[in-house]
Amino acid sequence: MQEFIVVYVTAGSPAEGDRLARALVEERLAACVNRIGPVRSVYRWQGKVEQSEEELLIIKTRNSQFAALEKRIHELHSYTVPEIIALPIIEGSDGYLRWLGEQVSGGAA
């Protein structure tokens, strides 16, 4: 199991993206959240093809924090079913990964 992960989450607006990003970093569930937007999403929801403008959050954290991070996103997010997808960080610079580990709850890297 990889120690660190990147989690993708889409938010319905820049304000929601800001609120989520700040809460996750302040609560030490994430070391860093990059906000990219606007992104245009096309998806099927309740039997219809929908299109919306969203903000993409790229969240860096520890794999061991995923459950707490997911729970907090569900508590704060406006969507019934928010996108929460985790990908392993296979490699990274030693300095960055050390910093990431120091910023997230769960101890040093």
PDB file of N, CA and C in Angstrom:
ATOM      1  N   MET A   1       0.850  -1.186   0.000  1.00  0.00           N
ATOM      2  CA  MET A   1       0.000   0.000   0.000  1.00  0.00           C
ATOM      3  C   MET A   1       0.892   1.244   0.000  1.00  0.00           C
ATOM      4  N   GLN A   2       0.567   2.201  -0.851  1.00  0.00           N
ATOM      5  CA  GLN A   2       1.308   3.452  -0.921  1.00  0.00           C
ATOM      6  C   GLN A   2       0.942   4.337   0.263  1.00  0.00           C
ATOM      7  N   GLU A   3       1.928   5.076   0.776  1.00  0.00           N
ATOM      8  CA  GLU A   3       1.672   5.925   1.940  1.00  0.00           C
ATOM      9  C   GLU A   3       0.873   7.178   1.591  1.00  0.00           C
ATOM     10  N   PHE A   4       1.122   7.742   0.402  1.00  0.00           N
ATOM     11  CA  PHE A   4       0.473   8.994   0.029  1.00  0.00           C
ATOM     12  C   PHE A   4      -0.438   8.804  -1.175  1.00  0.00           C
ATOM     13  N   ILE A   5      -1.481   9.614  -1.247  1.00  0.00           N
ATOM     14  CA  ILE A   5      -2.447   9.556  -2.342  1.00  0.00           C
ATOM     15  C   ILE A   5      -2.792  10.958  -2.815  1.00  0.00           C
ATOM     16  N   VAL A   6      -3.325  11.013  -4.028  1.00  0.00           N
ATOM     17  CA  VAL A   6      -3.927  12.217  -4.592  1.00  0.00           C
ATOM     18  C   VAL A   6      -5.402  11.909  -4.730  1.00  0.00           C
ATOM     19  N   VAL A   7      -6.249  12.812  -4.265  1.00  0.00           N
ATOM     20  CA  VAL A   7      -7.691  12.609  -4.312  1.00  0.00           C
ATOM     21  C   VAL A   7      -8.303  13.691  -5.193  1.00  0.00           C
ATOM     22  N   TYR A   8      -9.109  13.276  -6.169  1.00  0.00           N
ATOM     23  CA  TYR A   8      -9.837  14.210  -7.029  1.00  0.00           C
ATOM     24  C   TYR A   8     -11.244  14.376  -6.490  1.00  0.00           C
ATOM     25  N   VAL A   9     -11.656  15.636  -6.379  1.00  0.00           N
ATOM     26  CA  VAL A   9     -13.018  15.966  -5.966  1.00  0.00           C
ATOM     27  C   VAL A   9     -13.467  17.132  -6.840  1.00  0.00           C
ATOM     28  N   THR A  10     -14.684  17.070  -7.369  1.00  0.00           N
ATOM     29  CA  THR A  10     -15.224  18.221  -8.086  1.00  0.00           C
ATOM     30  C   THR A  10     -16.169  18.972  -7.157  1.00  0.00           C
ATOM     31  N   ALA A  11     -16.174  20.291  -7.306  1.00  0.00           N
ATOM     32  CA  ALA A  11     -17.042  21.156  -6.511  1.00  0.00           C
ATOM     33  C   ALA A  11     -17.932  21.948  -7.458  1.00  0.00           C
ATOM     34  N   GLY A  12     -19.106  22.287  -6.998  1.00  0.00           N
ATOM     35  CA  GLY A  12     -20.099  22.954  -7.833  1.00  0.00           C
ATOM     36  C   GLY A  12     -19.847  24.422  -8.105  1.00  0.00           C
ATOM     37  N   SER A  13     -18.935  25.039  -7.348  1.00  0.00           N
ATOM     38  CA  SER A  13     -18.659  26.468  -7.525  1.00  0.00           C
ATOM     39  C   SER A  13     -17.301  26.797  -6.927  1.00  0.00           C
ATOM     40  N   PRO A  14     -16.707  27.930  -7.313  1.00  0.00           N
ATOM     41  CA  PRO A  14     -15.458  28.354  -6.686  1.00  0.00           C
ATOM     42  C   PRO A  14     -15.606  28.547  -5.173  1.00  0.00           C
ATOM     43  N   ALA A  15     -16.729  29.056  -4.732  1.00  0.00           N
ATOM     44  CA  ALA A  15     -16.935  29.252  -3.285  1.00  0.00           C
ATOM     45  C   ALA A  15     -16.925  27.913  -2.551  1.00  0.00           C
ATOM     46  N   GLU A  16     -17.582  26.918  -3.128  1.00  0.00           N
ATOM     47  CA  GLU A  16     -17.583  25.599  -2.501  1.00  0.00           C
ATOM     48  C   GLU A  16     -16.178  24.989  -2.535  1.00  0.00           C
ATOM     49  N   GLY A  17     -15.467  25.148  -3.643  1.00  0.00           N
ATOM     50  CA  GLY A  17     -14.101  24.661  -3.737  1.00  0.00           C
ATOM     51  C   GLY A  17     -13.216  25.295  -2.680  1.00  0.00           C
ATOM     52  N   ASP A  18     -13.349  26.583  -2.481  1.00  0.00           N
ATOM     53  CA  ASP A  18     -12.563  27.288  -1.461  1.00  0.00           C
ATOM     54  C   ASP A  18     -12.901  26.774  -0.069  1.00  0.00           C
ATOM     55  N   ARG A  19     -14.175  26.623   0.212  1.00  0.00           N
ATOM     56  CA  ARG A  19     -14.618  26.149   1.529  1.00  0.00           C
ATOM     57  C   ARG A  19     -14.076  24.749   1.830  1.00  0.00           C
ATOM     58  N   LEU A  20     -14.178  23.852   0.844  1.00  0.00           N
ATOM     59  CA  LEU A  20     -13.676  22.489   1.015  1.00  0.00           C
ATOM     60  C   LEU A  20     -12.155  22.489   1.195  1.00  0.00           C
ATOM     61  N   ALA A  21     -11.453  23.195   0.326  1.00  0.00           N
ATOM     62  CA  ALA A  21      -9.991  23.212   0.383  1.00  0.00           C
ATOM     63  C   ALA A  21      -9.503  23.741   1.724  1.00  0.00           C
ATOM     64  N   ARG A  22     -10.049  24.845   2.166  1.00  0.00           N
ATOM     65  CA  ARG A  22      -9.599  25.434   3.426  1.00  0.00           C
ATOM     66  C   ARG A  22      -9.888  24.518   4.615  1.00  0.00           C
ATOM     67  N   ALA A  23     -11.059  23.927   4.645  1.00  0.00           N
ATOM     68  CA  ALA A  23     -11.408  23.042   5.764  1.00  0.00           C
ATOM     69  C   ALA A  23     -10.477  21.832   5.809  1.00  0.00           C
ATOM     70  N   LEU A  24     -10.207  21.218   4.668  1.00  0.00           N
ATOM     71  CA  LEU A  24      -9.384  20.017   4.642  1.00  0.00           C
ATOM     72  C   LEU A  24      -7.947  20.302   5.064  1.00  0.00           C
ATOM     73  N   VAL A  25      -7.408  21.445   4.651  1.00  0.00           N
ATOM     74  CA  VAL A  25      -6.044  21.802   5.043  1.00  0.00           C
ATOM     75  C   VAL A  25      -6.009  22.238   6.506  1.00  0.00           C
ATOM     76  N   GLU A  26      -6.966  23.080   6.923  1.00  0.00           N
ATOM     77  CA  GLU A  26      -7.002  23.538   8.313  1.00  0.00           C
ATOM     78  C   GLU A  26      -7.149  22.375   9.290  1.00  0.00           C
ATOM     79  N   GLU A  27      -7.919  21.355   8.900  1.00  0.00           N
ATOM     80  CA  GLU A  27      -8.152  20.198   9.771  1.00  0.00           C
ATOM     81  C   GLU A  27      -7.075  19.133   9.616  1.00  0.00           C
ATOM     82  N   ARG A  28      -6.027  19.427   8.836  1.00  0.00           N
ATOM     83  CA  ARG A  28      -4.881  18.537   8.613  1.00  0.00           C
ATOM     84  C   ARG A  28      -5.273  17.197   7.989  1.00  0.00           C
ATOM     85  N   LEU A  29      -6.369  17.212   7.233  1.00  0.00           N
ATOM     86  CA  LEU A  29      -6.751  16.034   6.460  1.00  0.00           C
ATOM     87  C   LEU A  29      -6.039  16.033   5.107  1.00  0.00           C
ATOM     88  N   ALA A  30      -5.533  17.195   4.702  1.00  0.00           N
ATOM     89  CA  ALA A  30      -4.803  17.352   3.449  1.00  0.00           C
ATOM     90  C   ALA A  30      -3.621  18.282   3.682  1.00  0.00           C
ATOM     91  N   ALA A  31      -2.525  17.995   2.984  1.00  0.00           N
ATOM     92  CA  ALA A  31      -1.363  18.877   3.050  1.00  0.00           C
ATOM     93  C   ALA A  31      -1.547  20.061   2.120  1.00  0.00           C
ATOM     94  N   CYS A  32      -2.178  19.812   0.977  1.00  0.00           N
ATOM     95  CA  CYS A  32      -2.320  20.831  -0.061  1.00  0.00           C
ATOM     96  C   CYS A  32      -3.531  20.483  -0.911  1.00  0.00           C
ATOM     97  N   VAL A  33      -4.247  21.502  -1.349  1.00  0.00           N
ATOM     98  CA  VAL A  33      -5.350  21.310  -2.288  1.00  0.00           C
ATOM     99  C   VAL A  33      -5.168  22.303  -3.422  1.00  0.00           C
ATOM    100  N   ASN A  34      -5.014  21.799  -4.640  1.00  0.00           N
ATOM    101  CA  ASN A  34      -4.971  22.651  -5.823  1.00  0.00           C
ATOM    102  C   ASN A  34      -6.387  22.784  -6.344  1.00  0.00           C
ATOM    103  N   ARG A  35      -6.770  24.016  -6.688  1.00  0.00           N
ATOM    104  CA  ARG A  35      -8.101  24.280  -7.229  1.00  0.00           C
ATOM    105  C   ARG A  35      -7.952  24.672  -8.691  1.00  0.00           C
ATOM    106  N   ILE A  36      -8.581  23.906  -9.562  1.00  0.00           N
ATOM    107  CA  ILE A  36      -8.507  24.149 -10.996  1.00  0.00           C
ATOM    108  C   ILE A  36      -9.913  24.390 -11.511  1.00  0.00           C
ATOM    109  N   GLY A  37     -10.088  25.469 -12.208  1.00  0.00           N
ATOM    110  CA  GLY A  37     -11.412  25.724 -12.732  1.00  0.00           C
ATOM    111  C   GLY A  37     -11.406  26.908 -13.677  1.00  0.00           C
ATOM    112  N   PRO A  38     -12.466  27.079 -14.377  1.00  0.00           N
ATOM    113  CA  PRO A  38     -13.558  26.107 -14.404  1.00  0.00           C
ATOM    114  C   PRO A  38     -13.241  24.913 -15.297  1.00  0.00           C
ATOM    115  N   VAL A  39     -13.808  23.774 -14.933  1.00  0.00           N
ATOM    116  CA  VAL A  39     -13.782  22.593 -15.786  1.00  0.00           C
ATOM    117  C   VAL A  39     -15.222  22.307 -16.183  1.00  0.00           C
ATOM    118  N   ARG A  40     -15.400  21.819 -17.391  1.00  0.00           N
ATOM    119  CA  ARG A  40     -16.741  21.467 -17.852  1.00  0.00           C
ATOM    120  C   ARG A  40     -16.890  19.957 -17.775  1.00  0.00           C
ATOM    121  N   SER A  41     -17.891  19.516 -17.058  1.00  0.00           N
ATOM    122  CA  SER A  41     -18.125  18.087 -16.862  1.00  0.00           C
ATOM    123  C   SER A  41     -19.372  17.660 -17.618  1.00  0.00           C
ATOM    124  N   VAL A  42     -19.280  16.521 -18.283  1.00  0.00           N
ATOM    125  CA  VAL A  42     -20.420  15.899 -18.957  1.00  0.00           C
ATOM    126  C   VAL A  42     -20.588  14.534 -18.306  1.00  0.00           C
ATOM    127  N   TYR A  43     -21.795  14.233 -17.857  1.00  0.00           N
ATOM    128  CA  TYR A  43     -22.026  13.002 -17.093  1.00  0.00           C
ATOM    129  C   TYR A  43     -23.501  12.618 -17.179  1.00  0.00           C
ATOM    130  N   ARG A  44     -23.775  11.372 -16.839  1.00  0.00           N
ATOM    131  CA  ARG A  44     -25.152  10.900 -16.784  1.00  0.00           C
ATOM    132  C   ARG A  44     -25.598  10.949 -15.330  1.00  0.00           C
ATOM    133  N   TRP A  45     -26.746  11.578 -15.073  1.00  0.00           N
ATOM    134  CA  TRP A  45     -27.289  11.673 -13.716  1.00  0.00           C
ATOM    135  C   TRP A  45     -28.795  11.475 -13.782  1.00  0.00           C
ATOM    136  N   GLN A  46     -29.260  10.504 -13.045  1.00  0.00           N
ATOM    137  CA  GLN A  46     -30.692  10.183 -12.980  1.00  0.00           C
ATOM    138  C   GLN A  46     -31.287   9.999 -14.372  1.00  0.00           C
ATOM    139  N   GLY A  47     -30.544   9.253 -15.211  1.00  0.00           N
ATOM    140  CA  GLY A  47     -31.048   8.879 -16.526  1.00  0.00           C
ATOM    141  C   GLY A  47     -30.886   9.915 -17.620  1.00  0.00           C
ATOM    142  N   LYS A  48     -30.313  11.085 -17.304  1.00  0.00           N
ATOM    143  CA  LYS A  48     -30.151  12.131 -18.316  1.00  0.00           C
ATOM    144  C   LYS A  48     -28.687  12.529 -18.412  1.00  0.00           C
ATOM    145  N   VAL A  49     -28.262  12.898 -19.635  1.00  0.00           N
ATOM    146  CA  VAL A  49     -26.917  13.424 -19.821  1.00  0.00           C
ATOM    147  C   VAL A  49     -26.936  14.893 -19.418  1.00  0.00           C
ATOM    148  N   GLU A  50     -26.073  15.230 -18.502  1.00  0.00           N
ATOM    149  CA  GLU A  50     -25.993  16.585 -17.957  1.00  0.00           C
ATOM    150  C   GLU A  50     -24.644  17.201 -18.303  1.00  0.00           C
ATOM    151  N   GLN A  51     -24.582  18.511 -18.223  1.00  0.00           N
ATOM    152  CA  GLN A  51     -23.334  19.239 -18.400  1.00  0.00           C
ATOM    153  C   GLN A  51     -23.312  20.364 -17.383  1.00  0.00           C
ATOM    154  N   SER A  52     -22.163  20.528 -16.712  1.00  0.00           N
ATOM    155  CA  SER A  52     -22.070  21.614 -15.738  1.00  0.00           C
ATOM    156  C   SER A  52     -20.640  22.126 -15.661  1.00  0.00           C
ATOM    157  N   GLU A  53     -20.516  23.320 -15.137  1.00  0.00           N
ATOM    158  CA  GLU A  53     -19.219  23.913 -14.893  1.00  0.00           C
ATOM    159  C   GLU A  53     -18.879  23.677 -13.426  1.00  0.00           C
ATOM    160  N   GLU A  54     -17.702  23.129 -13.189  1.00  0.00           N
ATOM    161  CA  GLU A  54     -17.297  22.778 -11.832  1.00  0.00           C
ATOM    162  C   GLU A  54     -15.869  23.250 -11.592  1.00  0.00           C
ATOM    163  N   GLU A  55     -15.418  23.046 -10.377  1.00  0.00           N
ATOM    164  CA  GLU A  55     -14.028  23.279 -10.019  1.00  0.00           C
ATOM    165  C   GLU A  55     -13.450  21.932  -9.600  1.00  0.00           C
ATOM    166  N   LEU A  56     -12.250  21.621 -10.066  1.00  0.00           N
ATOM    167  CA  LEU A  56     -11.592  20.366  -9.720  1.00  0.00           C
ATOM    168  C   LEU A  56     -10.612  20.612  -8.588  1.00  0.00           C
ATOM    169  N   LEU A  57     -10.737  19.834  -7.533  1.00  0.00           N
ATOM    170  CA  LEU A  57      -9.807  19.892  -6.413  1.00  0.00           C
ATOM    171  C   LEU A  57      -8.859  18.708  -6.518  1.00  0.00           C
ATOM    172  N   ILE A  58      -7.572  18.974  -6.408  1.00  0.00           N
ATOM    173  CA  ILE A  58      -6.552  17.930  -6.388  1.00  0.00           C
ATOM    174  C   ILE A  58      -5.951  17.972  -4.991  1.00  0.00           C
ATOM    175  N   ILE A  59      -6.237  16.943  -4.213  1.00  0.00           N
ATOM    176  CA  ILE A  59      -5.932  16.905  -2.782  1.00  0.00           C
ATOM    177  C   ILE A  59      -4.795  15.924  -2.530  1.00  0.00           C
ATOM    178  N   LYS A  60      -3.745  16.372  -1.834  1.00  0.00           N
ATOM    179  CA  LYS A  60      -2.635  15.488  -1.476  1.00  0.00           C
ATOM    180  C   LYS A  60      -2.725  15.160   0.008  1.00  0.00           C
ATOM    181  N   THR A  61      -2.679  13.853   0.320  1.00  0.00           N
ATOM    182  CA  THR A  61      -2.832  13.413   1.698  1.00  0.00           C
ATOM    183  C   THR A  61      -2.204  12.036   1.892  1.00  0.00           C
ATOM    184  N   ARG A  62      -2.339  11.519   3.097  1.00  0.00           N
ATOM    185  CA  ARG A  62      -1.894  10.155   3.410  1.00  0.00           C
ATOM    186  C   ARG A  62      -3.018   9.173   3.085  1.00  0.00           C
ATOM    187  N   ASN A  63      -2.652   7.992   2.634  1.00  0.00           N
ATOM    188  CA  ASN A  63      -3.633   6.943   2.391  1.00  0.00           C
ATOM    189  C   ASN A  63      -4.418   6.637   3.673  1.00  0.00           C
ATOM    190  N   SER A  64      -3.728   6.672   4.814  1.00  0.00           N
ATOM    191  CA  SER A  64      -4.379   6.371   6.096  1.00  0.00           C
ATOM    192  C   SER A  64      -5.440   7.404   6.480  1.00  0.00           C
ATOM    193  N   GLN A  65      -5.445   8.564   5.842  1.00  0.00           N
ATOM    194  CA  GLN A  65      -6.433   9.618   6.138  1.00  0.00           C
ATOM    195  C   GLN A  65      -7.640   9.580   5.204  1.00  0.00           C
ATOM    196  N   PHE A  66      -7.646   8.638   4.242  1.00  0.00           N
ATOM    197  CA  PHE A  66      -8.717   8.666   3.245  1.00  0.00           C
ATOM    198  C   PHE A  66     -10.112   8.580   3.859  1.00  0.00           C
ATOM    199  N   ALA A  67     -10.335   7.677   4.783  1.00  0.00           N
ATOM    200  CA  ALA A  67     -11.682   7.512   5.357  1.00  0.00           C
ATOM    201  C   ALA A  67     -12.151   8.795   6.035  1.00  0.00           C
ATOM    202  N   ALA A  68     -11.282   9.439   6.806  1.00  0.00           N
ATOM    203  CA  ALA A  68     -11.650  10.687   7.488  1.00  0.00           C
ATOM    204  C   ALA A  68     -11.868  11.807   6.472  1.00  0.00           C
ATOM    205  N   LEU A  69     -11.023  11.855   5.439  1.00  0.00           N
ATOM    206  CA  LEU A  69     -11.167  12.862   4.389  1.00  0.00           C
ATOM    207  C   LEU A  69     -12.489  12.684   3.656  1.00  0.00           C
ATOM    208  N   GLU A  70     -12.790  11.458   3.274  1.00  0.00           N
ATOM    209  CA  GLU A  70     -14.045  11.169   2.566  1.00  0.00           C
ATOM    210  C   GLU A  70     -15.253  11.564   3.421  1.00  0.00           C
ATOM    211  N   LYS A  71     -15.217  11.210   4.687  1.00  0.00           N
ATOM    212  CA  LYS A  71     -16.322  11.550   5.596  1.00  0.00           C
ATOM    213  C   LYS A  71     -16.514  13.064   5.666  1.00  0.00           C
ATOM    214  N   ARG A  72     -15.411  13.797   5.795  1.00  0.00           N
ATOM    215  CA  ARG A  72     -15.503  15.257   5.914  1.00  0.00           C
ATOM    216  C   ARG A  72     -16.018  15.885   4.618  1.00  0.00           C
ATOM    217  N   ILE A  73     -15.571  15.365   3.471  1.00  0.00           N
ATOM    218  CA  ILE A  73     -16.066  15.883   2.194  1.00  0.00           C
ATOM    219  C   ILE A  73     -17.566  15.678   2.097  1.00  0.00           C
ATOM    220  N   HIS A  74     -18.058  14.504   2.480  1.00  0.00           N
ATOM    221  CA  HIS A  74     -19.504  14.257   2.451  1.00  0.00           C
ATOM    222  C   HIS A  74     -20.245  15.228   3.365  1.00  0.00           C
ATOM    223  N   GLU A  75     -19.670  15.557   4.509  1.00  0.00           N
ATOM    224  CA  GLU A  75     -20.319  16.493   5.445  1.00  0.00           C
ATOM    225  C   GLU A  75     -20.401  17.901   4.877  1.00  0.00           C
ATOM    226  N   LEU A  76     -19.390  18.307   4.115  1.00  0.00           N
ATOM    227  CA  LEU A  76     -19.310  19.692   3.634  1.00  0.00           C
ATOM    228  C   LEU A  76     -19.850  19.909   2.225  1.00  0.00           C
ATOM    229  N   HIS A  77     -19.932  18.859   1.441  1.00  0.00           N
ATOM    230  CA  HIS A  77     -20.227  18.987   0.000  1.00  0.00           C
ATOM    231  C   HIS A  77     -21.712  19.173  -0.261  1.00  0.00           C
ATOM    232  N   SER A  78     -22.021  19.935  -1.303  1.00  0.00           N
ATOM    233  CA  SER A  78     -23.419  20.180  -1.666  1.00  0.00           C
ATOM    234  C   SER A  78     -24.019  19.052  -2.511  1.00  0.00           C
ATOM    235  N   TYR A  79     -23.184  18.220  -3.135  1.00  0.00           N
ATOM    236  CA  TYR A  79     -23.686  17.160  -3.997  1.00  0.00           C
ATOM    237  C   TYR A  79     -24.165  15.964  -3.175  1.00  0.00           C
ATOM    238  N   THR A  80     -25.194  15.294  -3.671  1.00  0.00           N
ATOM    239  CA  THR A  80     -25.665  14.051  -3.069  1.00  0.00           C
ATOM    240  C   THR A  80     -24.599  12.968  -3.191  1.00  0.00           C
ATOM    241  N   VAL A  81     -23.960  12.897  -4.369  1.00  0.00           N
ATOM    242  CA  VAL A  81     -22.918  11.904  -4.642  1.00  0.00           C
ATOM    243  C   VAL A  81     -21.688  12.636  -5.197  1.00  0.00           C
ATOM    244  N   PRO A  82     -20.853  13.199  -4.332  1.00  0.00           N
ATOM    245  CA  PRO A  82     -19.672  13.900  -4.843  1.00  0.00           C
ATOM    246  C   PRO A  82     -18.637  12.934  -5.398  1.00  0.00           C
ATOM    247  N   GLU A  83     -17.911  13.398  -6.393  1.00  0.00           N
ATOM    248  CA  GLU A  83     -16.781  12.626  -6.920  1.00  0.00           C
ATOM    249  C   GLU A  83     -15.673  12.649  -5.878  1.00  0.00           C
ATOM    250  N   ILE A  84     -15.257  11.471  -5.434  1.00  0.00           N
ATOM    251  CA  ILE A  84     -14.120  11.336  -4.511  1.00  0.00           C
ATOM    252  C   ILE A  84     -13.339  10.127  -5.008  1.00  0.00           C
ATOM    253  N   ILE A  85     -12.223  10.391  -5.699  1.00  0.00           N
ATOM    254  CA  ILE A  85     -11.430   9.336  -6.319  1.00  0.00           C
ATOM    255  C   ILE A  85      -9.992   9.465  -5.841  1.00  0.00           C
ATOM    256  N   ALA A  86      -9.435   8.398  -5.307  1.00  0.00           N
ATOM    257  CA  ALA A  86      -8.058   8.417  -4.812  1.00  0.00           C
ATOM    258  C   ALA A  86      -7.134   7.634  -5.745  1.00  0.00           C
ATOM    259  N   LEU A  87      -5.968   8.213  -6.003  1.00  0.00           N
ATOM    260  CA  LEU A  87      -4.936   7.579  -6.811  1.00  0.00           C
ATOM    261  C   LEU A  87      -3.651   7.537  -5.987  1.00  0.00           C
ATOM    262  N   PRO A  88      -2.886   6.447  -6.078  1.00  0.00           N
ATOM    263  CA  PRO A  88      -1.648   6.372  -5.305  1.00  0.00           C
ATOM    264  C   PRO A  88      -0.569   7.279  -5.883  1.00  0.00           C
ATOM    265  N   ILE A  89       0.242   7.825  -5.017  1.00  0.00           N
ATOM    266  CA  ILE A  89       1.450   8.523  -5.444  1.00  0.00           C
ATOM    267  C   ILE A  89       2.543   7.453  -5.457  1.00  0.00           C
ATOM    268  N   ILE A  90       2.993   7.088  -6.634  1.00  0.00           N
ATOM    269  CA  ILE A  90       3.971   6.011  -6.810  1.00  0.00           C
ATOM    270  C   ILE A  90       5.369   6.499  -6.436  1.00  0.00           C
ATOM    271  N   GLU A  91       5.728   7.681  -6.888  1.00  0.00           N
ATOM    272  CA  GLU A  91       7.041   8.277  -6.637  1.00  0.00           C
ATOM    273  C   GLU A  91       6.852   9.776  -6.426  1.00  0.00           C
ATOM    274  N   GLY A  92       7.837  10.396  -5.797  1.00  0.00           N
ATOM    275  CA  GLY A  92       7.828  11.842  -5.610  1.00  0.00           C
ATOM    276  C   GLY A  92       9.165  12.274  -5.040  1.00  0.00           C
ATOM    277  N   SER A  93       9.430  13.560  -5.098  1.00  0.00           N
ATOM    278  CA  SER A  93      10.695  14.041  -4.552  1.00  0.00           C
ATOM    279  C   SER A  93      10.690  13.850  -3.042  1.00  0.00           C
ATOM    280  N   ASP A  94      11.841  13.461  -2.507  1.00  0.00           N
ATOM    281  CA  ASP A  94      11.943  13.187  -1.068  1.00  0.00           C
ATOM    282  C   ASP A  94      11.499  14.384  -0.235  1.00  0.00           C
ATOM    283  N   GLY A  95      11.954  15.578  -0.606  1.00  0.00           N
ATOM    284  CA  GLY A  95      11.614  16.772   0.163  1.00  0.00           C
ATOM    285  C   GLY A  95      10.119  17.049   0.177  1.00  0.00           C
ATOM    286  N   TYR A  96       9.479  16.914  -0.990  1.00  0.00           N
ATOM    287  CA  TYR A  96       8.041  17.170  -1.058  1.00  0.00           C
ATOM    288  C   TYR A  96       7.267  16.137  -0.252  1.00  0.00           C
ATOM    289  N   LEU A  97       7.609  14.872  -0.394  1.00  0.00           N
ATOM    290  CA  LEU A  97       6.881  13.830   0.337  1.00  0.00           C
ATOM    291  C   LEU A  97       7.103  13.955   1.844  1.00  0.00           C
ATOM    292  N   ARG A  98       8.284  14.370   2.251  1.00  0.00           N
ATOM    293  CA  ARG A  98       8.542  14.600   3.672  1.00  0.00           C
ATOM    294  C   ARG A  98       7.644  15.745   4.177  1.00  0.00           C
ATOM    295  N   TRP A  99       7.602  16.830   3.400  1.00  0.00           N
ATOM    296  CA  TRP A  99       6.734  17.962   3.758  1.00  0.00           C
ATOM    297  C   TRP A  99       5.272  17.521   3.822  1.00  0.00           C
ATOM    298  N   LEU A 100       4.815  16.767   2.819  1.00  0.00           N
ATOM    299  CA  LEU A 100       3.433  16.291   2.790  1.00  0.00           C
ATOM    300  C   LEU A 100       3.134  15.520   4.075  1.00  0.00           C
ATOM    301  N   GLY A 101       3.999  14.605   4.429  1.00  0.00           N
ATOM    302  CA  GLY A 101       3.792  13.812   5.630  1.00  0.00           C
ATOM    303  C   GLY A 101       3.739  14.633   6.895  1.00  0.00           C
ATOM    304  N   GLU A 102       4.523  15.709   6.957  1.00  0.00           N
ATOM    305  CA  GLU A 102       4.543  16.573   8.141  1.00  0.00           C
ATOM    306  C   GLU A 102       3.280  17.413   8.274  1.00  0.00           C
ATOM    307  N   GLN A 103       2.596  17.675   7.168  1.00  0.00           N
ATOM    308  CA  GLN A 103       1.435  18.571   7.169  1.00  0.00           C
ATOM    309  C   GLN A 103       0.122  17.881   7.482  1.00  0.00           C
ATOM    310  N   VAL A 104       0.079  16.573   7.305  1.00  0.00           N
ATOM    311  CA  VAL A 104      -1.170  15.814   7.459  1.00  0.00           C
ATOM    312  C   VAL A 104      -1.157  15.069   8.772  1.00  0.00           C
ATOM    313  N   SER A 105      -2.301  14.995   9.423  1.00  0.00           N
ATOM    314  CA  SER A 105      -2.413  14.222  10.665  1.00  0.00           C
ATOM    315  C   SER A 105      -1.902  12.819  10.434  1.00  0.00           C
ATOM    316  N   GLY A 106      -1.276  12.246  11.445  1.00  0.00           N
ATOM    317  CA  GLY A 106      -0.780  10.884  11.321  1.00  0.00           C
ATOM    318  C   GLY A 106       0.719  10.779  11.440  1.00  0.00           C
ATOM    319  N   GLY A 107       1.398  11.898  11.720  1.00  0.00           N
ATOM    320  CA  GLY A 107       2.831  11.846  11.971  1.00  0.00           C
ATOM    321  C   GLY A 107       3.681  12.178  10.785  1.00  0.00           C
ATOM    322  N   ALA A 108       4.983  12.170  11.009  1.00  0.00           N
ATOM    323  CA  ALA A 108       5.961  12.507   9.974  1.00  0.00           C
ATOM    324  C   ALA A 108       6.114  11.349   9.005  1.00  0.00           C
ATOM    325  N   ALA A 109       6.581  11.697   7.805  1.00  0.00           N
ATOM    326  CA  ALA A 109       6.795  10.680   6.768  1.00  0.00           C
ATOM    327  C   ALA A 109       7.970   9.801   7.108  1.00  0.00           C
TER     328      ALA A 109
END
